[in-house]
Amino acid sequence: MREETGLRIDEAAWKRASYATDNRSYVSYVMVATSSEVRLARQLEEEEVEILSLDHCLKEAVEYPQLYAPDFLQVVGAAKATLNIP
């Protein structure tokens, strides 16, 4: 996070939302965290930081599933559950 955005998010704020494995030795974790400093994130020239709205993403994924990776709904659903977002 710090490398990409310049934000330093405390390690304790991160929660594992989900993970995937390829049935060998590779495991990929999806981590989520919240921060009140998100609007301070470093931006590329002329590029805005897009704030992830979980409800909006879920609605869009249901309406336009062809635009999303097949496991997107599971990842966003797990993130909402982990962060206790209804």
C-alpha atoms as a PDB file:
ATOM      1  CA  MET A   1       0.000   0.000   0.000  1.00  0.00           C
ATOM      2  CA  ARG A   2       2.732   2.442   0.906  1.00  0.00           C
ATOM      3  CA  GLU A   3       4.621   1.858  -2.334  1.00  0.00           C
ATOM      4  CA  GLU A   4       1.575   2.435  -4.518  1.00  0.00           C
ATOM      5  CA  THR A   5      -0.217   5.192  -2.617  1.00  0.00           C
ATOM      6  CA  GLY A   6       2.188   6.666  -0.102  1.00  0.00           C
ATOM      7  CA  LEU A   7      -0.218   5.755   2.706  1.00  0.00           C
ATOM      8  CA  ARG A   8       1.025   3.859   5.708  1.00  0.00           C
ATOM      9  CA  ILE A   9      -1.743   1.587   6.986  1.00  0.00           C
ATOM     10  CA  ASP A  10      -1.046   0.001  10.366  1.00  0.00           C
ATOM     11  CA  GLU A  11      -0.514  -3.742  10.125  1.00  0.00           C
ATOM     12  CA  ALA A  12      -3.250  -4.375  12.705  1.00  0.00           C
ATOM     13  CA  ALA A  13      -5.827  -2.713  10.386  1.00  0.00           C
ATOM     14  CA  TRP A  14      -5.427  -5.365   7.683  1.00  0.00           C
ATOM     15  CA  LYS A  15      -7.787  -8.325   7.637  1.00  0.00           C
ATOM     16  CA  ARG A  16      -7.735 -11.378   5.389  1.00  0.00           C
ATOM     17  CA  ALA A  17     -10.944 -11.385   3.354  1.00  0.00           C
ATOM     18  CA  SER A  18     -10.305 -14.506   1.277  1.00  0.00           C
ATOM     19  CA  TYR A  19      -7.636 -16.601  -0.321  1.00  0.00           C
ATOM     20  CA  ALA A  20      -7.165 -18.899  -3.282  1.00  0.00           C
ATOM     21  CA  THR A  21      -4.768 -21.704  -4.019  1.00  0.00           C
ATOM     22  CA  ASP A  22      -3.789 -23.483  -7.204  1.00  0.00           C
ATOM     23  CA  ASN A  23      -3.586 -26.821  -5.336  1.00  0.00           C
ATOM     24  CA  ARG A  24       0.198 -26.671  -5.406  1.00  0.00           C
ATOM     25  CA  SER A  25       2.236 -24.348  -3.253  1.00  0.00           C
ATOM     26  CA  TYR A  26       0.833 -21.001  -4.476  1.00  0.00           C
ATOM     27  CA  VAL A  27      -1.612 -19.165  -2.221  1.00  0.00           C
ATOM     28  CA  SER A  28      -3.040 -15.735  -3.001  1.00  0.00           C
ATOM     29  CA  TYR A  29      -4.590 -13.688  -0.178  1.00  0.00           C
ATOM     30  CA  VAL A  30      -7.035 -10.807  -0.540  1.00  0.00           C
ATOM     31  CA  MET A  31      -6.450  -8.323   2.266  1.00  0.00           C
ATOM     32  CA  VAL A  32      -8.734  -5.406   3.177  1.00  0.00           C
ATOM     33  CA  ALA A  33      -8.369  -2.397   5.449  1.00  0.00           C
ATOM     34  CA  THR A  34     -10.106   0.890   6.060  1.00  0.00           C
ATOM     35  CA  SER A  35      -8.409   4.225   6.552  1.00  0.00           C
ATOM     36  CA  SER A  36      -9.645   7.749   7.057  1.00  0.00           C
ATOM     37  CA  GLU A  37      -6.612   8.905   5.035  1.00  0.00           C
ATOM     38  CA  VAL A  38      -7.692   7.383   1.718  1.00  0.00           C
ATOM     39  CA  ARG A  39      -8.203  10.810   0.124  1.00  0.00           C
ATOM     40  CA  LEU A  40      -4.561  11.628   0.879  1.00  0.00           C
ATOM     41  CA  ALA A  41      -3.354   8.790  -1.339  1.00  0.00           C
ATOM     42  CA  ARG A  42      -0.705   9.650  -3.923  1.00  0.00           C
ATOM     43  CA  GLN A  43      -2.178   9.950  -7.411  1.00  0.00           C
ATOM     44  CA  LEU A  44      -0.796   9.583 -10.874  1.00  0.00           C
ATOM     45  CA  GLU A  45      -0.839  12.702 -13.028  1.00  0.00           C
ATOM     46  CA  GLU A  46      -4.426  13.609 -13.914  1.00  0.00           C
ATOM     47  CA  GLU A  47      -5.700  10.359 -12.385  1.00  0.00           C
ATOM     48  CA  GLU A  48      -8.128  10.432  -9.477  1.00  0.00           C
ATOM     49  CA  VAL A  49      -8.137   7.879  -6.707  1.00  0.00           C
ATOM     50  CA  GLU A  50     -11.351   5.930  -7.035  1.00  0.00           C
ATOM     51  CA  ILE A  51     -12.978   5.113  -3.710  1.00  0.00           C
ATOM     52  CA  LEU A  52     -14.294   1.565  -3.775  1.00  0.00           C
ATOM     53  CA  SER A  53     -18.007   1.500  -3.062  1.00  0.00           C
ATOM     54  CA  LEU A  54     -18.747  -2.130  -2.274  1.00  0.00           C
ATOM     55  CA  ASP A  55     -22.478  -1.774  -2.860  1.00  0.00           C
ATOM     56  CA  HIS A  56     -21.909  -0.076  -6.213  1.00  0.00           C
ATOM     57  CA  CYS A  57     -19.417  -2.766  -7.283  1.00  0.00           C
ATOM     58  CA  LEU A  58     -21.798  -5.558  -6.348  1.00  0.00           C
ATOM     59  CA  LYS A  59     -24.674  -3.906  -8.216  1.00  0.00           C
ATOM     60  CA  GLU A  60     -22.516  -3.363 -11.318  1.00  0.00           C
ATOM     61  CA  ALA A  61     -21.177  -6.917 -11.195  1.00  0.00           C
ATOM     62  CA  VAL A  62     -24.714  -8.314 -11.088  1.00  0.00           C
ATOM     63  CA  GLU A  63     -25.855  -6.083 -13.963  1.00  0.00           C
ATOM     64  CA  TYR A  64     -22.703  -6.518 -16.101  1.00  0.00           C
ATOM     65  CA  PRO A  65     -21.082  -9.833 -15.074  1.00  0.00           C
ATOM     66  CA  GLN A  66     -19.076 -10.004 -18.293  1.00  0.00           C
ATOM     67  CA  LEU A  67     -16.989  -7.030 -17.115  1.00  0.00           C
ATOM     68  CA  TYR A  68     -15.755  -8.756 -13.944  1.00  0.00           C
ATOM     69  CA  ALA A  69     -13.569 -11.706 -13.077  1.00  0.00           C
ATOM     70  CA  PRO A  70     -15.690 -14.728 -12.098  1.00  0.00           C
ATOM     71  CA  ASP A  71     -14.665 -14.616  -8.435  1.00  0.00           C
ATOM     72  CA  PHE A  72     -15.273 -10.868  -8.003  1.00  0.00           C
ATOM     73  CA  LEU A  73     -18.580 -11.212  -6.142  1.00  0.00           C
ATOM     74  CA  GLN A  74     -17.018 -13.663  -3.695  1.00  0.00           C
ATOM     75  CA  VAL A  75     -14.076 -11.346  -3.007  1.00  0.00           C
ATOM     76  CA  VAL A  76     -16.246  -8.260  -2.489  1.00  0.00           C
ATOM     77  CA  GLY A  77     -18.715 -10.238  -0.381  1.00  0.00           C
ATOM     78  CA  ALA A  78     -15.874 -11.531   1.792  1.00  0.00           C
ATOM     79  CA  ALA A  79     -14.460  -8.016   2.159  1.00  0.00           C
ATOM     80  CA  LYS A  80     -17.855  -6.685   3.291  1.00  0.00           C
ATOM     81  CA  ALA A  81     -18.241  -9.509   5.816  1.00  0.00           C
ATOM     82  CA  THR A  82     -14.700  -9.047   7.144  1.00  0.00           C
ATOM     83  CA  LEU A  83     -15.202  -5.305   7.601  1.00  0.00           C
ATOM     84  CA  ASN A  84     -18.699  -5.826   9.074  1.00  0.00           C
ATOM     85  CA  ILE A  85     -20.372  -3.822   6.311  1.00  0.00           C
ATOM     86  CA  PRO A  86     -24.062  -4.768   5.808  1.00  0.00           C
END
